[in-house]
PDB file of N, CA and C in Angstrom:
ATOM      1  N   UNK A   1       4.635 -10.280   4.364  1.00  0.00           N
ATOM      2  CA  UNK A   1       4.333 -10.966   3.114  1.00  0.00           C
ATOM      3  C   UNK A   1       5.498 -10.765   2.160  1.00  0.00           C
ATOM      4  N   UNK A   2       5.924 -11.834   1.539  1.00  0.00           N
ATOM      5  CA  UNK A   2       7.074 -11.715   0.650  1.00  0.00           C
ATOM      6  C   UNK A   2       6.703 -11.855  -0.821  1.00  0.00           C
ATOM      7  N   UNK A   3       5.454 -12.155  -1.101  1.00  0.00           N
ATOM      8  CA  UNK A   3       5.042 -12.340  -2.485  1.00  0.00           C
ATOM      9  C   UNK A   3       4.334 -11.120  -3.035  1.00  0.00           C
ATOM     10  N   UNK A   4       3.837 -11.272  -4.252  1.00  0.00           N
ATOM     11  CA  UNK A   4       3.101 -10.209  -4.928  1.00  0.00           C
ATOM     12  C   UNK A   4       1.664 -10.687  -5.103  1.00  0.00           C
ATOM     13  N   UNK A   5       0.717  -9.839  -4.754  1.00  0.00           N
ATOM     14  CA  UNK A   5      -0.692 -10.152  -4.946  1.00  0.00           C
ATOM     15  C   UNK A   5      -1.174  -9.387  -6.168  1.00  0.00           C
ATOM     16  N   UNK A   6      -1.563 -10.119  -7.210  1.00  0.00           N
ATOM     17  CA  UNK A   6      -2.107  -9.510  -8.424  1.00  0.00           C
ATOM     18  C   UNK A   6      -3.604  -9.782  -8.456  1.00  0.00           C
ATOM     19  N   UNK A   7      -4.393  -8.725  -8.535  1.00  0.00           N
ATOM     20  CA  UNK A   7      -5.840  -8.845  -8.660  1.00  0.00           C
ATOM     21  C   UNK A   7      -6.187  -8.584 -10.120  1.00  0.00           C
ATOM     22  N   UNK A   8      -6.660  -9.619 -10.814  1.00  0.00           N
ATOM     23  CA  UNK A   8      -6.925  -9.526 -12.252  1.00  0.00           C
ATOM     24  C   UNK A   8      -8.429  -9.598 -12.484  1.00  0.00           C
ATOM     25  N   UNK A   9      -8.970  -8.550 -13.129  1.00  0.00           N
ATOM     26  CA  UNK A   9     -10.403  -8.512 -13.416  1.00  0.00           C
ATOM     27  C   UNK A   9     -10.711  -9.394 -14.624  1.00  0.00           C
ATOM     28  N   UNK A  10     -11.988  -9.663 -14.839  1.00  0.00           N
ATOM     29  CA  UNK A  10     -12.395 -10.454 -16.001  1.00  0.00           C
ATOM     30  C   UNK A  10     -12.083  -9.723 -17.305  1.00  0.00           C
ATOM     31  N   UNK A  11     -11.922  -8.376 -17.227  1.00  0.00           N
ATOM     32  CA  UNK A  11     -11.560  -7.588 -18.411  1.00  0.00           C
ATOM     33  C   UNK A  11     -10.046  -7.615 -18.660  1.00  0.00           C
ATOM     34  N   UNK A  12      -9.294  -8.219 -17.737  1.00  0.00           N
ATOM     35  CA  UNK A  12      -7.851  -8.311 -17.896  1.00  0.00           C
ATOM     36  C   UNK A  12      -7.071  -7.199 -17.220  1.00  0.00           C
ATOM     37  N   UNK A  13      -7.770  -6.295 -16.509  1.00  0.00           N
ATOM     38  CA  UNK A  13      -7.076  -5.233 -15.773  1.00  0.00           C
ATOM     39  C   UNK A  13      -6.438  -5.821 -14.526  1.00  0.00           C
ATOM     40  N   UNK A  14      -5.249  -5.333 -14.204  1.00  0.00           N
ATOM     41  CA  UNK A  14      -4.513  -5.837 -13.052  1.00  0.00           C
ATOM     42  C   UNK A  14      -4.335  -4.712 -12.049  1.00  0.00           C
ATOM     43  N   UNK A  15      -4.654  -4.994 -10.776  1.00  0.00           N
ATOM     44  CA  UNK A  15      -4.388  -4.059  -9.685  1.00  0.00           C
ATOM     45  C   UNK A  15      -3.454  -4.749  -8.711  1.00  0.00           C
ATOM     46  N   UNK A  16      -2.448  -4.004  -8.267  1.00  0.00           N
ATOM     47  CA  UNK A  16      -1.522  -4.557  -7.293  1.00  0.00           C
ATOM     48  C   UNK A  16      -0.745  -3.422  -6.648  1.00  0.00           C
ATOM     49  N   UNK A  17      -0.043  -3.748  -5.588  1.00  0.00           N
ATOM     50  CA  UNK A  17       0.873  -2.782  -4.994  1.00  0.00           C
ATOM     51  C   UNK A  17       2.141  -2.776  -5.819  1.00  0.00           C
ATOM     52  N   UNK A  18       2.693  -1.588  -6.041  1.00  0.00           N
ATOM     53  CA  UNK A  18       3.926  -1.493  -6.815  1.00  0.00           C
ATOM     54  C   UNK A  18       5.053  -2.204  -6.077  1.00  0.00           C
ATOM     55  N   UNK A  19       5.836  -2.923  -6.822  1.00  0.00           N
ATOM     56  CA  UNK A  19       7.000  -3.609  -6.280  1.00  0.00           C
ATOM     57  C   UNK A  19       8.088  -3.653  -7.344  1.00  0.00           C
ATOM     58  N   UNK A  20       9.298  -3.782  -6.901  1.00  0.00           N
ATOM     59  CA  UNK A  20      10.409  -3.949  -7.836  1.00  0.00           C
ATOM     60  C   UNK A  20      10.836  -5.416  -7.927  1.00  0.00           C
ATOM     61  N   UNK A  21      10.055  -6.309  -7.300  1.00  0.00           N
ATOM     62  CA  UNK A  21      10.342  -7.742  -7.389  1.00  0.00           C
ATOM     63  C   UNK A  21      10.065  -8.275  -8.782  1.00  0.00           C
ATOM     64  N   UNK A  22       9.234  -7.563  -9.531  1.00  0.00           N
ATOM     65  CA  UNK A  22       8.815  -7.959 -10.866  1.00  0.00           C
ATOM     66  C   UNK A  22       8.709  -6.692 -11.697  1.00  0.00           C
ATOM     67  N   UNK A  23       9.150  -6.733 -12.942  1.00  0.00           N
ATOM     68  CA  UNK A  23       8.999  -5.567 -13.813  1.00  0.00           C
ATOM     69  C   UNK A  23       7.547  -5.517 -14.264  1.00  0.00           C
ATOM     70  N   UNK A  24       6.746  -4.732 -13.549  1.00  0.00           N
ATOM     71  CA  UNK A  24       5.313  -4.666 -13.811  1.00  0.00           C
ATOM     72  C   UNK A  24       4.985  -4.112 -15.187  1.00  0.00           C
ATOM     73  N   UNK A  25       5.893  -3.361 -15.784  1.00  0.00           N
ATOM     74  CA  UNK A  25       5.637  -2.828 -17.132  1.00  0.00           C
ATOM     75  C   UNK A  25       5.568  -3.958 -18.165  1.00  0.00           C
ATOM     76  N   UNK A  26       6.106  -5.125 -17.835  1.00  0.00           N
ATOM     77  CA  UNK A  26       5.986  -6.279 -18.734  1.00  0.00           C
ATOM     78  C   UNK A  26       4.536  -6.749 -18.862  1.00  0.00           C
ATOM     79  N   UNK A  27       3.688  -6.340 -17.915  1.00  0.00           N
ATOM     80  CA  UNK A  27       2.285  -6.758 -17.930  1.00  0.00           C
ATOM     81  C   UNK A  27       1.409  -5.833 -18.767  1.00  0.00           C
ATOM     82  N   UNK A  28       1.974  -4.705 -19.225  1.00  0.00           N
ATOM     83  CA  UNK A  28       1.209  -3.756 -20.031  1.00  0.00           C
ATOM     84  C   UNK A  28       1.378  -2.340 -19.529  1.00  0.00           C
ATOM     85  N   UNK A  29       0.554  -1.446 -20.069  1.00  0.00           N
ATOM     86  CA  UNK A  29       0.611  -0.030 -19.694  1.00  0.00           C
ATOM     87  C   UNK A  29       0.272   0.126 -18.212  1.00  0.00           C
ATOM     88  N   UNK A  30       1.048   0.960 -17.531  1.00  0.00           N
ATOM     89  CA  UNK A  30       0.863   1.125 -16.090  1.00  0.00           C
ATOM     90  C   UNK A  30       0.321   2.510 -15.752  1.00  0.00           C
ATOM     91  N   UNK A  31      -0.494   2.542 -14.722  1.00  0.00           N
ATOM     92  CA  UNK A  31      -0.893   3.774 -14.057  1.00  0.00           C
ATOM     93  C   UNK A  31      -0.554   3.581 -12.597  1.00  0.00           C
ATOM     94  N   UNK A  32       0.252   4.494 -12.042  1.00  0.00           N
ATOM     95  CA  UNK A  32       0.682   4.359 -10.658  1.00  0.00           C
ATOM     96  C   UNK A  32       0.117   5.518  -9.850  1.00  0.00           C
ATOM     97  N   UNK A  33      -0.531   5.183  -8.735  1.00  0.00           N
ATOM     98  CA  UNK A  33      -1.075   6.190  -7.824  1.00  0.00           C
ATOM     99  C   UNK A  33      -0.688   5.838  -6.403  1.00  0.00           C
ATOM    100  N   UNK A  34      -0.468   6.861  -5.602  1.00  0.00           N
ATOM    101  CA  UNK A  34      -0.186   6.629  -4.187  1.00  0.00           C
ATOM    102  C   UNK A  34      -1.472   6.212  -3.511  1.00  0.00           C
ATOM    103  N   UNK A  35      -1.432   5.073  -2.830  1.00  0.00           N
ATOM    104  CA  UNK A  35      -2.619   4.556  -2.155  1.00  0.00           C
ATOM    105  C   UNK A  35      -2.756   5.145  -0.758  1.00  0.00           C
ATOM    106  N   UNK A  36      -1.645   5.259  -0.045  1.00  0.00           N
ATOM    107  CA  UNK A  36      -1.679   5.771   1.322  1.00  0.00           C
ATOM    108  C   UNK A  36      -0.298   6.269   1.708  1.00  0.00           C
ATOM    109  N   UNK A  37      -0.246   6.898   2.865  1.00  0.00           N
ATOM    110  CA  UNK A  37       0.997   7.489   3.365  1.00  0.00           C
ATOM    111  C   UNK A  37       1.328   6.919   4.731  1.00  0.00           C
ATOM    112  N   UNK A  38       2.592   6.615   4.960  1.00  0.00           N
ATOM    113  CA  UNK A  38       3.068   6.221   6.278  1.00  0.00           C
ATOM    114  C   UNK A  38       3.928   7.361   6.784  1.00  0.00           C
ATOM    115  N   UNK A  39       3.490   7.974   7.869  1.00  0.00           N
ATOM    116  CA  UNK A  39       4.188   9.148   8.396  1.00  0.00           C
ATOM    117  C   UNK A  39       4.197   9.128   9.910  1.00  0.00           C
ATOM    118  N   UNK A  40       5.183   9.821  10.483  1.00  0.00           N
ATOM    119  CA  UNK A  40       5.238  10.013  11.933  1.00  0.00           C
ATOM    120  C   UNK A  40       4.179  11.028  12.325  1.00  0.00           C
ATOM    121  N   UNK A  41       3.439  10.743  13.381  1.00  0.00           N
ATOM    122  CA  UNK A  41       2.397  11.640  13.879  1.00  0.00           C
ATOM    123  C   UNK A  41       2.794  12.100  15.279  1.00  0.00           C
ATOM    124  N   UNK A  42       3.158  13.376  15.396  1.00  0.00           N
ATOM    125  CA  UNK A  42       3.579  13.911  16.691  1.00  0.00           C
ATOM    126  C   UNK A  42       2.478  13.811  17.740  1.00  0.00           C
ATOM    127  N   UNK A  43       1.247  14.093  17.354  1.00  0.00           N
ATOM    128  CA  UNK A  43       0.138  14.054  18.304  1.00  0.00           C
ATOM    129  C   UNK A  43      -0.127  12.652  18.827  1.00  0.00           C
ATOM    130  N   UNK A  44      -0.032  11.667  17.963  1.00  0.00           N
ATOM    131  CA  UNK A  44      -0.281  10.271  18.365  1.00  0.00           C
ATOM    132  C   UNK A  44       0.984   9.590  18.874  1.00  0.00           C
ATOM    133  N   UNK A  45       2.125  10.236  18.698  1.00  0.00           N
ATOM    134  CA  UNK A  45       3.429   9.721  19.148  1.00  0.00           C
ATOM    135  C   UNK A  45       3.732   8.349  18.555  1.00  0.00           C
ATOM    136  N   UNK A  46       3.521   8.243  17.245  1.00  0.00           N
ATOM    137  CA  UNK A  46       3.828   6.991  16.566  1.00  0.00           C
ATOM    138  C   UNK A  46       3.629   7.130  15.073  1.00  0.00           C
ATOM    139  N   UNK A  47       3.925   6.059  14.368  1.00  0.00           N
ATOM    140  CA  UNK A  47       3.764   6.010  12.916  1.00  0.00           C
ATOM    141  C   UNK A  47       2.313   5.710  12.593  1.00  0.00           C
ATOM    142  N   UNK A  48       1.766   6.414  11.619  1.00  0.00           N
ATOM    143  CA  UNK A  48       0.374   6.212  11.228  1.00  0.00           C
ATOM    144  C   UNK A  48       0.273   5.985   9.723  1.00  0.00           C
ATOM    145  N   UNK A  49      -0.851   5.405   9.327  1.00  0.00           N
ATOM    146  CA  UNK A  49      -1.161   5.191   7.912  1.00  0.00           C
ATOM    147  C   UNK A  49      -2.392   6.033   7.612  1.00  0.00           C
ATOM    148  N   UNK A  50      -2.304   6.837   6.552  1.00  0.00           N
ATOM    149  CA  UNK A  50      -3.412   7.711   6.182  1.00  0.00           C
ATOM    150  C   UNK A  50      -3.571   7.740   4.668  1.00  0.00           C
ATOM    151  N   UNK A  51      -4.742   8.128   4.241  1.00  0.00           N
ATOM    152  CA  UNK A  51      -5.013   8.327   2.819  1.00  0.00           C
ATOM    153  C   UNK A  51      -4.322   9.620   2.375  1.00  0.00           C
ATOM    154  N   UNK A  52      -4.058   9.781   1.083  1.00  0.00           N
ATOM    155  CA  UNK A  52      -3.427  11.018   0.613  1.00  0.00           C
ATOM    156  C   UNK A  52      -4.214  12.285   0.982  1.00  0.00           C
ATOM    157  N   UNK A  53      -5.538  12.173   1.175  1.00  0.00           N
ATOM    158  CA  UNK A  53      -6.334  13.338   1.566  1.00  0.00           C
ATOM    159  C   UNK A  53      -6.270  13.616   3.067  1.00  0.00           C
ATOM    160  N   UNK A  54      -5.512  12.791   3.806  1.00  0.00           N
ATOM    161  CA  UNK A  54      -5.343  12.987   5.239  1.00  0.00           C
ATOM    162  C   UNK A  54      -6.236  12.129   6.105  1.00  0.00           C
ATOM    163  N   UNK A  55      -7.173  11.396   5.521  1.00  0.00           N
ATOM    164  CA  UNK A  55      -8.056  10.529   6.309  1.00  0.00           C
ATOM    165  C   UNK A  55      -7.237   9.448   7.000  1.00  0.00           C
ATOM    166  N   UNK A  56      -7.415   9.327   8.287  1.00  0.00           N
ATOM    167  CA  UNK A  56      -6.681   8.375   9.115  1.00  0.00           C
ATOM    168  C   UNK A  56      -7.127   6.955   8.817  1.00  0.00           C
ATOM    169  N   UNK A  57      -6.169   6.029   8.679  1.00  0.00           N
ATOM    170  CA  UNK A  57      -6.481   4.614   8.475  1.00  0.00           C
ATOM    171  C   UNK A  57      -6.107   3.769   9.686  1.00  0.00           C
ATOM    172  N   UNK A  58      -4.884   3.924  10.206  1.00  0.00           N
ATOM    173  CA  UNK A  58      -4.441   3.056  11.299  1.00  0.00           C
ATOM    174  C   UNK A  58      -3.252   3.649  12.040  1.00  0.00           C
ATOM    175  N   UNK A  59      -3.057   3.166  13.250  1.00  0.00           N
ATOM    176  CA  UNK A  59      -1.926   3.580  14.060  1.00  0.00           C
ATOM    177  C   UNK A  59      -2.411   4.103  15.399  1.00  0.00           C
ATOM    178  N   UNK A  60      -1.500   4.498  16.223  1.00  0.00           N
ATOM    179  CA  UNK A  60      -0.066   4.598  15.950  1.00  0.00           C
ATOM    180  C   UNK A  60       0.647   3.249  16.091  1.00  0.00           C
ATOM    181  N   UNK A  61       1.710   3.121  15.316  1.00  0.00           N
ATOM    182  CA  UNK A  61       2.577   1.956  15.371  1.00  0.00           C
ATOM    183  C   UNK A  61       3.911   2.386  15.980  1.00  0.00           C
ATOM    184  N   UNK A  62       4.552   1.480  16.679  1.00  0.00           N
ATOM    185  CA  UNK A  62       5.832   1.777  17.318  1.00  0.00           C
ATOM    186  C   UNK A  62       6.925   1.992  16.287  1.00  0.00           C
ATOM    187  N   UNK A  63       6.895   1.194  15.212  1.00  0.00           N
ATOM    188  CA  UNK A  63       7.944   1.307  14.191  1.00  0.00           C
ATOM    189  C   UNK A  63       7.330   1.583  12.829  1.00  0.00           C
ATOM    190  N   UNK A  64       8.121   2.203  11.973  1.00  0.00           N
ATOM    191  CA  UNK A  64       7.679   2.480  10.608  1.00  0.00           C
ATOM    192  C   UNK A  64       7.456   1.168   9.850  1.00  0.00           C
ATOM    193  N   UNK A  65       8.336   0.206  10.064  1.00  0.00           N
ATOM    194  CA  UNK A  65       8.196  -1.076   9.355  1.00  0.00           C
ATOM    195  C   UNK A  65       6.902  -1.785   9.757  1.00  0.00           C
ATOM    196  N   UNK A  66       6.470  -1.658  10.998  1.00  0.00           N
ATOM    197  CA  UNK A  66       5.203  -2.230  11.441  1.00  0.00           C
ATOM    198  C   UNK A  66       4.036  -1.551  10.715  1.00  0.00           C
ATOM    199  N   UNK A  67       4.114  -0.232  10.554  1.00  0.00           N
ATOM    200  CA  UNK A  67       3.069   0.513   9.843  1.00  0.00           C
ATOM    201  C   UNK A  67       3.023   0.110   8.370  1.00  0.00           C
ATOM    202  N   UNK A  68       4.182  -0.052   7.761  1.00  0.00           N
ATOM    203  CA  UNK A  68       4.239  -0.456   6.354  1.00  0.00           C
ATOM    204  C   UNK A  68       3.698  -1.876   6.179  1.00  0.00           C
ATOM    205  N   UNK A  69       4.007  -2.756   7.101  1.00  0.00           N
ATOM    206  CA  UNK A  69       3.491  -4.122   7.044  1.00  0.00           C
ATOM    207  C   UNK A  69       1.960  -4.097   7.096  1.00  0.00           C
ATOM    208  N   UNK A  70       1.391  -3.272   7.983  1.00  0.00           N
ATOM    209  CA  UNK A  70      -0.070  -3.138   8.063  1.00  0.00           C
ATOM    210  C   UNK A  70      -0.616  -2.584   6.757  1.00  0.00           C
ATOM    211  N   UNK A  71       0.043  -1.547   6.230  1.00  0.00           N
ATOM    212  CA  UNK A  71      -0.391  -0.891   4.991  1.00  0.00           C
ATOM    213  C   UNK A  71      -0.436  -1.903   3.834  1.00  0.00           C
ATOM    214  N   UNK A  72       0.590  -2.713   3.691  1.00  0.00           N
ATOM    215  CA  UNK A  72       0.659  -3.702   2.608  1.00  0.00           C
ATOM    216  C   UNK A  72      -0.472  -4.714   2.754  1.00  0.00           C
ATOM    217  N   UNK A  73      -0.680  -5.222   3.955  1.00  0.00           N
ATOM    218  CA  UNK A  73      -1.760  -6.199   4.183  1.00  0.00           C
ATOM    219  C   UNK A  73      -3.123  -5.578   3.892  1.00  0.00           C
ATOM    220  N   UNK A  74      -3.322  -4.345   4.338  1.00  0.00           N
ATOM    221  CA  UNK A  74      -4.594  -3.659   4.108  1.00  0.00           C
ATOM    222  C   UNK A  74      -4.897  -3.537   2.616  1.00  0.00           C
ATOM    223  N   UNK A  75      -3.932  -3.028   1.850  1.00  0.00           N
ATOM    224  CA  UNK A  75      -4.187  -2.819   0.417  1.00  0.00           C
ATOM    225  C   UNK A  75      -4.282  -4.131  -0.346  1.00  0.00           C
ATOM    226  N   UNK A  76      -3.509  -5.127   0.024  1.00  0.00           N
ATOM    227  CA  UNK A  76      -3.632  -6.421  -0.650  1.00  0.00           C
ATOM    228  C   UNK A  76      -5.005  -7.032  -0.438  1.00  0.00           C
ATOM    229  N   UNK A  77      -5.634  -6.759   0.701  1.00  0.00           N
ATOM    230  CA  UNK A  77      -6.982  -7.275   0.984  1.00  0.00           C
ATOM    231  C   UNK A  77      -8.074  -6.369   0.430  1.00  0.00           C
ATOM    232  N   UNK A  78      -7.733  -5.125   0.079  1.00  0.00           N
ATOM    233  CA  UNK A  78      -8.721  -4.152  -0.368  1.00  0.00           C
ATOM    234  C   UNK A  78      -8.815  -4.057  -1.893  1.00  0.00           C
ATOM    235  N   UNK A  79      -7.702  -4.234  -2.578  1.00  0.00           N
ATOM    236  CA  UNK A  79      -7.705  -4.071  -4.040  1.00  0.00           C
ATOM    237  C   UNK A  79      -8.571  -5.094  -4.736  1.00  0.00           C
TER     238      UNK A  79
END
């Protein structure tokens, strides 16, 4: 995906994945939190996506870029 997905609530709050394609601070005050982690997993012998608390989301993936692509699609559909 090459675009930005902005989820705007009826109250005007915006949720999206952080990107440098657009200066998001122009939209107002920002709060940034890590949504998930892409890391190499020795046991699974591949790249995995997990929550910051360690809960497994997906993988293993052969490449890190494949894992990141999955991560972006997942969060764009979840936010």
